[in-house]
Amino acid sequence: MSAGAVLGRLADGIGFRFRRASEGIREADLGFRPAADCMSLAELMEHILDLPTWVGQSVGVQLPKAVNGPLSDWLTHIGQMLSWRRIARAPAAQADVFRGTPPRG
């Protein structure tokens, strides 16, 4: 198993989780923020979409820098999206992230 293969699988998992976390978000929910000092859902999504640039800048740098930075940040922020959607009473459909299967129905 190579470092590239591990990063590739991690990126696939992040993409799957982000798609499921962002799927079905209504325009009205994009401005939701759980507290005044938090990013809104829209700002959080924009930040998440900026992270691939940081990963691209990490190419050629030792693996722990890329994993400890943007890749870990992605997972944290996707979890925030899911939590904030639940708080806003607009939860994402349940997917099986361990098997990579989308929600049923």
PDB file of N, CA and C in Angstrom:
ATOM      1  N   MET A   1       0.846  -1.157   0.000  1.00  0.00           N
ATOM      2  CA  MET A   1       0.000   0.000   0.000  1.00  0.00           C
ATOM      3  C   MET A   1       0.902   1.234   0.000  1.00  0.00           C
ATOM      4  N   SER A   2       0.697   2.084  -0.972  1.00  0.00           N
ATOM      5  CA  SER A   2       1.534   3.278  -1.090  1.00  0.00           C
ATOM      6  C   SER A   2       0.850   4.493  -0.454  1.00  0.00           C
ATOM      7  N   ALA A   3       1.640   5.520  -0.189  1.00  0.00           N
ATOM      8  CA  ALA A   3       1.091   6.756   0.375  1.00  0.00           C
ATOM      9  C   ALA A   3       0.065   7.361  -0.589  1.00  0.00           C
ATOM     10  N   GLY A   4       0.335   7.277  -1.875  1.00  0.00           N
ATOM     11  CA  GLY A   4      -0.601   7.809  -2.865  1.00  0.00           C
ATOM     12  C   GLY A   4      -1.938   7.085  -2.847  1.00  0.00           C
ATOM     13  N   ALA A   5      -1.889   5.761  -2.672  1.00  0.00           N
ATOM     14  CA  ALA A   5      -3.129   4.978  -2.610  1.00  0.00           C
ATOM     15  C   ALA A   5      -3.939   5.340  -1.370  1.00  0.00           C
ATOM     16  N   VAL A   6      -3.256   5.531  -0.248  1.00  0.00           N
ATOM     17  CA  VAL A   6      -3.940   5.910   0.983  1.00  0.00           C
ATOM     18  C   VAL A   6      -4.588   7.284   0.823  1.00  0.00           C
ATOM     19  N   LEU A   7      -3.842   8.239   0.291  1.00  0.00           N
ATOM     20  CA  LEU A   7      -4.397   9.582   0.075  1.00  0.00           C
ATOM     21  C   LEU A   7      -5.556   9.559  -0.911  1.00  0.00           C
ATOM     22  N   GLY A   8      -5.449   8.727  -1.932  1.00  0.00           N
ATOM     23  CA  GLY A   8      -6.529   8.613  -2.912  1.00  0.00           C
ATOM     24  C   GLY A   8      -7.813   8.094  -2.285  1.00  0.00           C
ATOM     25  N   ARG A   9      -7.692   7.059  -1.461  1.00  0.00           N
ATOM     26  CA  ARG A   9      -8.884   6.507  -0.777  1.00  0.00           C
ATOM     27  C   ARG A   9      -9.460   7.504   0.211  1.00  0.00           C
ATOM     28  N   LEU A  10      -8.578   8.230   0.907  1.00  0.00           N
ATOM     29  CA  LEU A  10      -9.037   9.251   1.844  1.00  0.00           C
ATOM     30  C   LEU A  10      -9.796  10.351   1.102  1.00  0.00           C
ATOM     31  N   ALA A  11      -9.272  10.772  -0.032  1.00  0.00           N
ATOM     32  CA  ALA A  11      -9.942  11.794  -0.833  1.00  0.00           C
ATOM     33  C   ALA A  11     -11.296  11.294  -1.342  1.00  0.00           C
ATOM     34  N   ASP A  12     -11.377  10.035  -1.751  1.00  0.00           N
ATOM     35  CA  ASP A  12     -12.661   9.462  -2.180  1.00  0.00           C
ATOM     36  C   ASP A  12     -13.682   9.504  -1.046  1.00  0.00           C
ATOM     37  N   GLY A  13     -13.250   9.117   0.147  1.00  0.00           N
ATOM     38  CA  GLY A  13     -14.142   9.122   1.305  1.00  0.00           C
ATOM     39  C   GLY A  13     -14.603  10.527   1.661  1.00  0.00           C
ATOM     40  N   ILE A  14     -13.688  11.487   1.569  1.00  0.00           N
ATOM     41  CA  ILE A  14     -14.036  12.882   1.851  1.00  0.00           C
ATOM     42  C   ILE A  14     -15.053  13.380   0.832  1.00  0.00           C
ATOM     43  N   GLY A  15     -14.832  13.068  -0.431  1.00  0.00           N
ATOM     44  CA  GLY A  15     -15.780  13.483  -1.471  1.00  0.00           C
ATOM     45  C   GLY A  15     -17.156  12.887  -1.248  1.00  0.00           C
ATOM     46  N   PHE A  16     -17.206  11.612  -0.891  1.00  0.00           N
ATOM     47  CA  PHE A  16     -18.488  10.951  -0.626  1.00  0.00           C
ATOM     48  C   PHE A  16     -19.191  11.616   0.546  1.00  0.00           C
ATOM     49  N   ARG A  17     -18.460  11.853   1.620  1.00  0.00           N
ATOM     50  CA  ARG A  17     -19.059  12.467   2.805  1.00  0.00           C
ATOM     51  C   ARG A  17     -19.548  13.887   2.513  1.00  0.00           C
ATOM     52  N   PHE A  18     -18.753  14.658   1.773  1.00  0.00           N
ATOM     53  CA  PHE A  18     -19.179  16.035   1.463  1.00  0.00           C
ATOM     54  C   PHE A  18     -20.431  16.036   0.587  1.00  0.00           C
ATOM     55  N   ARG A  19     -20.454  15.165  -0.401  1.00  0.00           N
ATOM     56  CA  ARG A  19     -21.636  15.098  -1.266  1.00  0.00           C
ATOM     57  C   ARG A  19     -22.888  14.793  -0.446  1.00  0.00           C
ATOM     58  N   ARG A  20     -22.790  13.821   0.427  1.00  0.00           N
ATOM     59  CA  ARG A  20     -23.946  13.439   1.253  1.00  0.00           C
ATOM     60  C   ARG A  20     -24.295  14.534   2.262  1.00  0.00           C
ATOM     61  N   ALA A  21     -23.290  15.232   2.799  1.00  0.00           N
ATOM     62  CA  ALA A  21     -23.548  16.290   3.782  1.00  0.00           C
ATOM     63  C   ALA A  21     -24.176  17.526   3.136  1.00  0.00           C
ATOM     64  N   SER A  22     -23.839  17.770   1.872  1.00  0.00           N
ATOM     65  CA  SER A  22     -24.336  18.979   1.205  1.00  0.00           C
ATOM     66  C   SER A  22     -25.590  18.734   0.363  1.00  0.00           C
ATOM     67  N   GLU A  23     -25.877  17.489   0.083  1.00  0.00           N
ATOM     68  CA  GLU A  23     -27.020  17.143  -0.759  1.00  0.00           C
ATOM     69  C   GLU A  23     -28.339  17.597  -0.115  1.00  0.00           C
ATOM     70  N   GLY A  24     -29.126  18.303  -0.883  1.00  0.00           N
ATOM     71  CA  GLY A  24     -30.453  18.701  -0.422  1.00  0.00           C
ATOM     72  C   GLY A  24     -30.487  19.930   0.472  1.00  0.00           C
ATOM     73  N   ILE A  25     -29.364  20.605   0.646  1.00  0.00           N
ATOM     74  CA  ILE A  25     -29.399  21.834   1.452  1.00  0.00           C
ATOM     75  C   ILE A  25     -30.240  22.862   0.714  1.00  0.00           C
ATOM     76  N   ARG A  26     -31.163  23.433   1.457  1.00  0.00           N
ATOM     77  CA  ARG A  26     -32.042  24.451   0.869  1.00  0.00           C
ATOM     78  C   ARG A  26     -31.374  25.819   0.955  1.00  0.00           C
ATOM     79  N   GLU A  27     -31.707  26.668   0.014  1.00  0.00           N
ATOM     80  CA  GLU A  27     -31.183  28.037  -0.014  1.00  0.00           C
ATOM     81  C   GLU A  27     -31.398  28.717   1.345  1.00  0.00           C
ATOM     82  N   ALA A  28     -32.558  28.500   1.927  1.00  0.00           N
ATOM     83  CA  ALA A  28     -32.890  29.130   3.207  1.00  0.00           C
ATOM     84  C   ALA A  28     -31.980  28.669   4.337  1.00  0.00           C
ATOM     85  N   ASP A  29     -31.350  27.486   4.212  1.00  0.00           N
ATOM     86  CA  ASP A  29     -30.487  26.957   5.269  1.00  0.00           C
ATOM     87  C   ASP A  29     -29.043  27.454   5.163  1.00  0.00           C
ATOM     88  N   LEU A  30     -28.663  28.007   4.025  1.00  0.00           N
ATOM     89  CA  LEU A  30     -27.269  28.389   3.814  1.00  0.00           C
ATOM     90  C   LEU A  30     -26.787  29.473   4.772  1.00  0.00           C
ATOM     91  N   GLY A  31     -27.672  30.317   5.236  1.00  0.00           N
ATOM     92  CA  GLY A  31     -27.284  31.375   6.160  1.00  0.00           C
ATOM     93  C   GLY A  31     -27.257  30.943   7.611  1.00  0.00           C
ATOM     94  N   PHE A  32     -27.659  29.693   7.892  1.00  0.00           N
ATOM     95  CA  PHE A  32     -27.719  29.224   9.284  1.00  0.00           C
ATOM     96  C   PHE A  32     -26.332  29.158   9.897  1.00  0.00           C
ATOM     97  N   ARG A  33     -26.242  29.656  11.122  1.00  0.00           N
ATOM     98  CA  ARG A  33     -25.036  29.508  11.940  1.00  0.00           C
ATOM     99  C   ARG A  33     -25.494  29.228  13.367  1.00  0.00           C
ATOM    100  N   PRO A  34     -24.903  28.238  14.031  1.00  0.00           N
ATOM    101  CA  PRO A  34     -25.373  27.865  15.369  1.00  0.00           C
ATOM    102  C   PRO A  34     -25.087  28.918  16.434  1.00  0.00           C
ATOM    103  N   ALA A  35     -24.121  29.787  16.195  1.00  0.00           N
ATOM    104  CA  ALA A  35     -23.789  30.870  17.121  1.00  0.00           C
ATOM    105  C   ALA A  35     -23.212  32.026  16.304  1.00  0.00           C
ATOM    106  N   ALA A  36     -23.267  33.214  16.878  1.00  0.00           N
ATOM    107  CA  ALA A  36     -22.825  34.409  16.150  1.00  0.00           C
ATOM    108  C   ALA A  36     -21.369  34.346  15.703  1.00  0.00           C
ATOM    109  N   ASP A  37     -20.521  33.649  16.462  1.00  0.00           N
ATOM    110  CA  ASP A  37     -19.098  33.594  16.117  1.00  0.00           C
ATOM    111  C   ASP A  37     -18.725  32.396  15.237  1.00  0.00           C
ATOM    112  N   CYS A  38     -19.722  31.689  14.712  1.00  0.00           N
ATOM    113  CA  CYS A  38     -19.503  30.538  13.824  1.00  0.00           C
ATOM    114  C   CYS A  38     -19.717  30.939  12.370  1.00  0.00           C
ATOM    115  N   MET A  39     -19.071  30.205  11.469  1.00  0.00           N
ATOM    116  CA  MET A  39     -19.346  30.401  10.050  1.00  0.00           C
ATOM    117  C   MET A  39     -20.769  29.934   9.751  1.00  0.00           C
ATOM    118  N   SER A  40     -21.373  30.527   8.731  1.00  0.00           N
ATOM    119  CA  SER A  40     -22.667  30.032   8.264  1.00  0.00           C
ATOM    120  C   SER A  40     -22.423  28.742   7.483  1.00  0.00           C
ATOM    121  N   LEU A  41     -23.482  28.016   7.191  1.00  0.00           N
ATOM    122  CA  LEU A  41     -23.332  26.804   6.369  1.00  0.00           C
ATOM    123  C   LEU A  41     -22.694  27.148   5.028  1.00  0.00           C
ATOM    124  N   ALA A  42     -23.111  28.258   4.418  1.00  0.00           N
ATOM    125  CA  ALA A  42     -22.537  28.653   3.121  1.00  0.00           C
ATOM    126  C   ALA A  42     -21.049  28.953   3.253  1.00  0.00           C
ATOM    127  N   GLU A  43     -20.656  29.673   4.302  1.00  0.00           N
ATOM    128  CA  GLU A  43     -19.235  29.990   4.512  1.00  0.00           C
ATOM    129  C   GLU A  43     -18.439  28.718   4.786  1.00  0.00           C
ATOM    130  N   LEU A  44     -19.011  27.816   5.538  1.00  0.00           N
ATOM    131  CA  LEU A  44     -18.355  26.548   5.837  1.00  0.00           C
ATOM    132  C   LEU A  44     -18.153  25.734   4.560  1.00  0.00           C
ATOM    133  N   MET A  45     -19.179  25.678   3.723  1.00  0.00           N
ATOM    134  CA  MET A  45     -19.064  24.942   2.460  1.00  0.00           C
ATOM    135  C   MET A  45     -17.995  25.569   1.568  1.00  0.00           C
ATOM    136  N   GLU A  46     -17.940  26.892   1.528  1.00  0.00           N
ATOM    137  CA  GLU A  46     -16.923  27.577   0.720  1.00  0.00           C
ATOM    138  C   GLU A  46     -15.528  27.227   1.239  1.00  0.00           C
ATOM    139  N   HIS A  47     -15.360  27.222   2.548  1.00  0.00           N
ATOM    140  CA  HIS A  47     -14.075  26.861   3.141  1.00  0.00           C
ATOM    141  C   HIS A  47     -13.695  25.423   2.768  1.00  0.00           C
ATOM    142  N   ILE A  48     -14.648  24.523   2.864  1.00  0.00           N
ATOM    143  CA  ILE A  48     -14.401  23.119   2.514  1.00  0.00           C
ATOM    144  C   ILE A  48     -13.960  23.004   1.056  1.00  0.00           C
ATOM    145  N   LEU A  49     -14.589  23.773   0.191  1.00  0.00           N
ATOM    146  CA  LEU A  49     -14.249  23.705  -1.232  1.00  0.00           C
ATOM    147  C   LEU A  49     -12.900  24.363  -1.546  1.00  0.00           C
ATOM    148  N   ASP A  50     -12.390  25.192  -0.635  1.00  0.00           N
ATOM    149  CA  ASP A  50     -11.058  25.784  -0.805  1.00  0.00           C
ATOM    150  C   ASP A  50      -9.941  24.828  -0.380  1.00  0.00           C
ATOM    151  N   LEU A  51     -10.261  23.845   0.431  1.00  0.00           N
ATOM    152  CA  LEU A  51      -9.231  22.942   0.959  1.00  0.00           C
ATOM    153  C   LEU A  51      -8.468  22.154  -0.113  1.00  0.00           C
ATOM    154  N   PRO A  52      -9.085  21.766  -1.248  1.00  0.00           N
ATOM    155  CA  PRO A  52      -8.285  21.053  -2.257  1.00  0.00           C
ATOM    156  C   PRO A  52      -7.086  21.858  -2.743  1.00  0.00           C
ATOM    157  N   THR A  53      -7.195  23.173  -2.767  1.00  0.00           N
ATOM    158  CA  THR A  53      -6.065  24.013  -3.162  1.00  0.00           C
ATOM    159  C   THR A  53      -4.920  23.821  -2.182  1.00  0.00           C
ATOM    160  N   TRP A  54      -5.243  23.783  -0.895  1.00  0.00           N
ATOM    161  CA  TRP A  54      -4.205  23.587   0.113  1.00  0.00           C
ATOM    162  C   TRP A  54      -3.577  22.206  -0.015  1.00  0.00           C
ATOM    163  N   VAL A  55      -4.395  21.209  -0.314  1.00  0.00           N
ATOM    164  CA  VAL A  55      -3.855  19.856  -0.500  1.00  0.00           C
ATOM    165  C   VAL A  55      -2.913  19.854  -1.699  1.00  0.00           C
ATOM    166  N   GLY A  56      -3.326  20.508  -2.776  1.00  0.00           N
ATOM    167  CA  GLY A  56      -2.480  20.590  -3.963  1.00  0.00           C
ATOM    168  C   GLY A  56      -1.142  21.249  -3.666  1.00  0.00           C
ATOM    169  N   GLN A  57      -1.147  22.228  -2.781  1.00  0.00           N
ATOM    170  CA  GLN A  57       0.092  22.903  -2.397  1.00  0.00           C
ATOM    171  C   GLN A  57       0.959  22.011  -1.509  1.00  0.00           C
ATOM    172  N   SER A  58       0.353  20.989  -0.910  1.00  0.00           N
ATOM    173  CA  SER A  58       1.081  20.079  -0.032  1.00  0.00           C
ATOM    174  C   SER A  58       1.760  18.949  -0.794  1.00  0.00           C
ATOM    175  N   VAL A  59       1.434  18.782  -2.081  1.00  0.00           N
ATOM    176  CA  VAL A  59       2.021  17.702  -2.859  1.00  0.00           C
ATOM    177  C   VAL A  59       3.537  17.871  -2.884  1.00  0.00           C
ATOM    178  N   GLY A  60       4.229  16.816  -2.604  1.00  0.00           N
ATOM    179  CA  GLY A  60       5.685  16.852  -2.573  1.00  0.00           C
ATOM    180  C   GLY A  60       6.233  17.154  -1.186  1.00  0.00           C
ATOM    181  N   VAL A  61       5.344  17.494  -0.267  1.00  0.00           N
ATOM    182  CA  VAL A  61       5.738  17.747   1.111  1.00  0.00           C
ATOM    183  C   VAL A  61       5.522  16.448   1.877  1.00  0.00           C
ATOM    184  N   GLN A  62       6.176  16.260   2.984  1.00  0.00           N
ATOM    185  CA  GLN A  62       6.010  15.025   3.746  1.00  0.00           C
ATOM    186  C   GLN A  62       4.536  14.771   4.041  1.00  0.00           C
ATOM    187  N   LEU A  63       4.138  13.497   3.954  1.00  0.00           N
ATOM    188  CA  LEU A  63       2.744  13.078   4.121  1.00  0.00           C
ATOM    189  C   LEU A  63       2.067  13.626   5.376  1.00  0.00           C
ATOM    190  N   PRO A  64       2.711  13.591   6.606  1.00  0.00           N
ATOM    191  CA  PRO A  64       1.992  14.068   7.797  1.00  0.00           C
ATOM    192  C   PRO A  64       1.536  15.520   7.668  1.00  0.00           C
ATOM    193  N   LYS A  65       2.268  16.388   6.916  1.00  0.00           N
ATOM    194  CA  LYS A  65       1.814  17.793   6.797  1.00  0.00           C
ATOM    195  C   LYS A  65       0.455  17.848   6.138  1.00  0.00           C
ATOM    196  N   ALA A  66       0.236  17.042   4.989  1.00  0.00           N
ATOM    197  CA  ALA A  66      -1.025  17.035   4.255  1.00  0.00           C
ATOM    198  C   ALA A  66      -2.145  16.420   5.081  1.00  0.00           C
ATOM    199  N   VAL A  67      -1.863  15.325   5.812  1.00  0.00           N
ATOM    200  CA  VAL A  67      -2.894  14.631   6.579  1.00  0.00           C
ATOM    201  C   VAL A  67      -3.295  15.451   7.804  1.00  0.00           C
ATOM    202  N   ASN A  68      -2.332  16.011   8.505  1.00  0.00           N
ATOM    203  CA  ASN A  68      -2.637  16.774   9.714  1.00  0.00           C
ATOM    204  C   ASN A  68      -3.294  18.108   9.416  1.00  0.00           C
ATOM    205  N   GLY A  69      -3.147  18.608   8.223  1.00  0.00           N
ATOM    206  CA  GLY A  69      -3.713  19.905   7.871  1.00  0.00           C
ATOM    207  C   GLY A  69      -5.035  19.786   7.153  1.00  0.00           C
ATOM    208  N   PRO A  70      -5.050  20.080   5.865  1.00  0.00           N
ATOM    209  CA  PRO A  70      -6.308  20.160   5.120  1.00  0.00           C
ATOM    210  C   PRO A  70      -7.141  18.886   5.103  1.00  0.00           C
ATOM    211  N   LEU A  71      -6.526  17.711   4.999  1.00  0.00           N
ATOM    212  CA  LEU A  71      -7.318  16.487   4.931  1.00  0.00           C
ATOM    213  C   LEU A  71      -8.086  16.249   6.229  1.00  0.00           C
ATOM    214  N   SER A  72      -7.433  16.459   7.356  1.00  0.00           N
ATOM    215  CA  SER A  72      -8.129  16.321   8.638  1.00  0.00           C
ATOM    216  C   SER A  72      -9.175  17.419   8.810  1.00  0.00           C
ATOM    217  N   ASP A  73      -8.841  18.612   8.356  1.00  0.00           N
ATOM    218  CA  ASP A  73      -9.757  19.751   8.436  1.00  0.00           C
ATOM    219  C   ASP A  73     -11.047  19.462   7.665  1.00  0.00           C
ATOM    220  N   TRP A  74     -10.918  18.827   6.517  1.00  0.00           N
ATOM    221  CA  TRP A  74     -12.093  18.461   5.709  1.00  0.00           C
ATOM    222  C   TRP A  74     -13.092  17.651   6.531  1.00  0.00           C
ATOM    223  N   LEU A  75     -12.583  16.610   7.166  1.00  0.00           N
ATOM    224  CA  LEU A  75     -13.467  15.722   7.927  1.00  0.00           C
ATOM    225  C   LEU A  75     -14.125  16.450   9.093  1.00  0.00           C
ATOM    226  N   THR A  76     -13.369  17.300   9.763  1.00  0.00           N
ATOM    227  CA  THR A  76     -13.931  18.089  10.863  1.00  0.00           C
ATOM    228  C   THR A  76     -15.064  18.966  10.366  1.00  0.00           C
ATOM    229  N   HIS A  77     -14.833  19.672   9.272  1.00  0.00           N
ATOM    230  CA  HIS A  77     -15.835  20.611   8.762  1.00  0.00           C
ATOM    231  C   HIS A  77     -17.055  19.916   8.166  1.00  0.00           C
ATOM    232  N   ILE A  78     -16.861  18.770   7.569  1.00  0.00           N
ATOM    233  CA  ILE A  78     -18.012  18.013   7.066  1.00  0.00           C
ATOM    234  C   ILE A  78     -18.873  17.567   8.247  1.00  0.00           C
ATOM    235  N   GLY A  79     -18.233  17.156   9.332  1.00  0.00           N
ATOM    236  CA  GLY A  79     -18.978  16.826  10.547  1.00  0.00           C
ATOM    237  C   GLY A  79     -19.730  18.031  11.088  1.00  0.00           C
ATOM    238  N   GLN A  80     -19.114  19.202  11.015  1.00  0.00           N
ATOM    239  CA  GLN A  80     -19.805  20.424  11.434  1.00  0.00           C
ATOM    240  C   GLN A  80     -21.046  20.660  10.576  1.00  0.00           C
ATOM    241  N   MET A  81     -20.895  20.487   9.271  1.00  0.00           N
ATOM    242  CA  MET A  81     -22.045  20.670   8.373  1.00  0.00           C
ATOM    243  C   MET A  81     -23.205  19.773   8.788  1.00  0.00           C
ATOM    244  N   LEU A  82     -22.904  18.522   9.039  1.00  0.00           N
ATOM    245  CA  LEU A  82     -23.950  17.577   9.420  1.00  0.00           C
ATOM    246  C   LEU A  82     -24.599  17.969  10.749  1.00  0.00           C
ATOM    247  N   SER A  83     -23.782  18.381  11.701  1.00  0.00           N
ATOM    248  CA  SER A  83     -24.318  18.804  13.003  1.00  0.00           C
ATOM    249  C   SER A  83     -25.185  20.045  12.858  1.00  0.00           C
ATOM    250  N   TRP A  84     -24.705  21.011  12.102  1.00  0.00           N
ATOM    251  CA  TRP A  84     -25.454  22.265  11.953  1.00  0.00           C
ATOM    252  C   TRP A  84     -26.759  22.033  11.213  1.00  0.00           C
ATOM    253  N   ARG A  85     -26.734  21.112  10.259  1.00  0.00           N
ATOM    254  CA  ARG A  85     -27.990  20.790   9.563  1.00  0.00           C
ATOM    255  C   ARG A  85     -29.001  20.191  10.534  1.00  0.00           C
ATOM    256  N   ARG A  86     -28.527  19.331  11.432  1.00  0.00           N
ATOM    257  CA  ARG A  86     -29.445  18.762  12.432  1.00  0.00           C
ATOM    258  C   ARG A  86     -29.991  19.854  13.349  1.00  0.00           C
ATOM    259  N   ILE A  87     -29.119  20.759  13.796  1.00  0.00           N
ATOM    260  CA  ILE A  87     -29.547  21.859  14.661  1.00  0.00           C
ATOM    261  C   ILE A  87     -30.578  22.730  13.942  1.00  0.00           C
ATOM    262  N   ALA A  88     -30.381  22.944  12.643  1.00  0.00           N
ATOM    263  CA  ALA A  88     -31.288  23.776  11.844  1.00  0.00           C
ATOM    264  C   ALA A  88     -32.555  23.027  11.438  1.00  0.00           C
ATOM    265  N   ARG A  89     -32.668  21.785  11.871  1.00  0.00           N
ATOM    266  CA  ARG A  89     -33.805  20.918  11.530  1.00  0.00           C
ATOM    267  C   ARG A  89     -33.928  20.682  10.024  1.00  0.00           C
ATOM    268  N   ALA A  90     -32.765  20.531   9.407  1.00  0.00           N
ATOM    269  CA  ALA A  90     -32.684  20.209   7.980  1.00  0.00           C
ATOM    270  C   ALA A  90     -31.628  19.115   7.802  1.00  0.00           C
ATOM    271  N   PRO A  91     -31.795  17.958   8.470  1.00  0.00           N
ATOM    272  CA  PRO A  91     -30.745  16.930   8.451  1.00  0.00           C
ATOM    273  C   PRO A  91     -30.525  16.321   7.068  1.00  0.00           C
ATOM    274  N   ALA A  92     -29.307  15.895   6.859  1.00  0.00           N
ATOM    275  CA  ALA A  92     -28.966  15.191   5.621  1.00  0.00           C
ATOM    276  C   ALA A  92     -29.513  13.768   5.695  1.00  0.00           C
ATOM    277  N   ALA A  93     -29.797  13.204   4.538  1.00  0.00           N
ATOM    278  CA  ALA A  93     -30.236  11.801   4.487  1.00  0.00           C
ATOM    279  C   ALA A  93     -29.092  10.911   4.962  1.00  0.00           C
ATOM    280  N   GLN A  94     -29.426   9.843   5.643  1.00  0.00           N
ATOM    281  CA  GLN A  94     -28.424   8.929   6.191  1.00  0.00           C
ATOM    282  C   GLN A  94     -27.819   8.055   5.097  1.00  0.00           C
ATOM    283  N   ALA A  95     -26.497   8.099   5.014  1.00  0.00           N
ATOM    284  CA  ALA A  95     -25.759   7.246   4.092  1.00  0.00           C
ATOM    285  C   ALA A  95     -24.868   6.321   4.910  1.00  0.00           C
ATOM    286  N   ASP A  96     -24.434   5.236   4.310  1.00  0.00           N
ATOM    287  CA  ASP A  96     -23.502   4.335   4.977  1.00  0.00           C
ATOM    288  C   ASP A  96     -22.088   4.719   4.528  1.00  0.00           C
ATOM    289  N   VAL A  97     -21.440   5.575   5.328  1.00  0.00           N
ATOM    290  CA  VAL A  97     -20.129   6.076   4.928  1.00  0.00           C
ATOM    291  C   VAL A  97     -19.040   5.007   5.019  1.00  0.00           C
ATOM    292  N   PHE A  98     -19.275   3.949   5.789  1.00  0.00           N
ATOM    293  CA  PHE A  98     -18.281   2.881   5.887  1.00  0.00           C
ATOM    294  C   PHE A  98     -18.275   2.002   4.647  1.00  0.00           C
ATOM    295  N   ARG A  99     -19.424   1.824   4.034  1.00  0.00           N
ATOM    296  CA  ARG A  99     -19.512   1.030   2.806  1.00  0.00           C
ATOM    297  C   ARG A  99     -19.556   1.898   1.550  1.00  0.00           C
ATOM    298  N   GLY A 100     -19.753   3.197   1.739  1.00  0.00           N
ATOM    299  CA  GLY A 100     -19.818   4.116   0.591  1.00  0.00           C
ATOM    300  C   GLY A 100     -21.110   3.990  -0.173  1.00  0.00           C
ATOM    301  N   THR A 101     -22.185   3.670   0.535  1.00  0.00           N
ATOM    302  CA  THR A 101     -23.485   3.548  -0.145  1.00  0.00           C
ATOM    303  C   THR A 101     -24.363   4.739   0.197  1.00  0.00           C
ATOM    304  N   PRO A 102     -25.025   5.290  -0.807  1.00  0.00           N
ATOM    305  CA  PRO A 102     -25.875   6.458  -0.595  1.00  0.00           C
ATOM    306  C   PRO A 102     -27.145   6.087   0.185  1.00  0.00           C
ATOM    307  N   PRO A 103     -27.881   7.108   0.620  1.00  0.00           N
ATOM    308  CA  PRO A 103     -29.138   6.827   1.324  1.00  0.00           C
ATOM    309  C   PRO A 103     -30.104   6.087   0.425  1.00  0.00           C
ATOM    310  N   ARG A 104     -30.977   5.322   1.042  1.00  0.00           N
ATOM    311  CA  ARG A 104     -32.003   4.614   0.268  1.00  0.00           C
ATOM    312  C   ARG A 104     -33.162   5.557   0.009  1.00  0.00           C
ATOM    313  N   GLY A 105     -33.783   5.387  -1.164  1.00  0.00           N
ATOM    314  CA  GLY A 105     -34.960   6.177  -1.498  1.00  0.00           C
ATOM    315  C   GLY A 105     -34.588   7.483  -1.949  1.00  0.00           C
TER     316      GLY A 105
END
